[in-house]
């Protein structure tokens, strides 16, 4: 389970990220659960499917 406002580390680049909220993302005409997150070193926001976030990030 992904926890909001907790720090996660990306498996490949080892940078830190914080999930801010959950949302929906359309994939092949189907709405799937997604995560809005940001890098801890800037204010840009990113969106990734919930499943992909779980695969590529671990809690720091």
Protein backbone atom coordinates (compact mmCIF):
# COMPACT_ATOMS: atom_id res chain seq x y z
CA UNK A 1 0.00 0.00 0.00
CA UNK A 2 1.38 3.40 -0.99
CA UNK A 3 1.35 5.98 1.79
CA UNK A 4 0.90 9.65 0.99
CA UNK A 5 3.49 12.17 2.19
CA UNK A 6 6.05 9.44 2.92
CA UNK A 7 9.40 9.34 1.16
CA UNK A 8 10.04 6.70 -1.50
CA UNK A 9 13.19 5.89 -3.45
CA UNK A 10 13.25 5.06 -7.16
CA UNK A 11 14.85 1.67 -7.88
CA UNK A 12 17.03 2.92 -10.73
CA UNK A 13 18.05 6.56 -10.14
CA UNK A 14 17.98 6.29 -6.31
CA UNK A 15 16.35 9.73 -6.03
CA UNK A 16 13.74 10.50 -3.38
CA UNK A 17 10.08 11.16 -4.20
CA UNK A 18 6.93 11.89 -2.22
CA UNK A 19 3.44 10.70 -3.24
CA UNK A 20 1.01 13.61 -2.78
CA UNK A 21 -2.36 12.24 -3.83
CA UNK A 22 -4.21 9.55 -5.73
CA UNK A 23 -6.08 10.08 -8.99
CA UNK A 24 -7.33 8.25 -12.08
CA UNK A 25 -5.41 7.82 -15.31
CA UNK A 26 -6.92 6.62 -18.57
CA UNK A 27 -5.12 3.66 -20.11
CA UNK A 28 -6.58 2.02 -23.23
CA UNK A 29 -10.00 3.60 -22.57
CA UNK A 30 -10.08 2.25 -19.00
CA UNK A 31 -9.69 4.42 -15.91
CA UNK A 32 -7.06 3.02 -13.56
CA UNK A 33 -5.81 4.08 -10.14
CA UNK A 34 -2.77 6.39 -10.27
CA UNK A 35 -0.42 8.33 -8.01
CA UNK A 36 0.54 12.00 -8.18
CA UNK A 37 4.06 12.43 -6.83
CA UNK A 38 6.97 14.86 -6.83
CA UNK A 39 10.73 14.66 -6.62
CA UNK A 40 12.07 15.90 -3.30
CA UNK A 41 14.55 18.19 -5.06
CA UNK A 42 12.04 20.26 -7.11
CA UNK A 43 8.36 21.20 -7.39
CA UNK A 44 7.44 19.39 -10.61
CA UNK A 45 4.54 16.94 -10.38
CA UNK A 46 4.38 13.54 -12.04
CA UNK A 47 1.68 10.89 -12.50
CA UNK A 48 2.20 7.16 -12.72
CA UNK A 49 -0.14 4.19 -12.47
CA UNK A 50 -0.49 2.80 -8.96
CA UNK A 51 0.86 -0.60 -10.05
CA UNK A 52 3.90 0.89 -11.77
CA UNK A 53 4.67 3.10 -8.76
CA UNK A 54 4.56 0.03 -6.51
CA UNK A 55 6.97 -1.80 -8.81
CA UNK A 56 9.53 0.98 -9.19
CA UNK A 57 9.56 2.68 -5.78
CA UNK A 58 10.25 1.45 -2.27
CA UNK A 59 9.67 3.25 1.00
CA UNK A 60 12.80 5.01 2.19
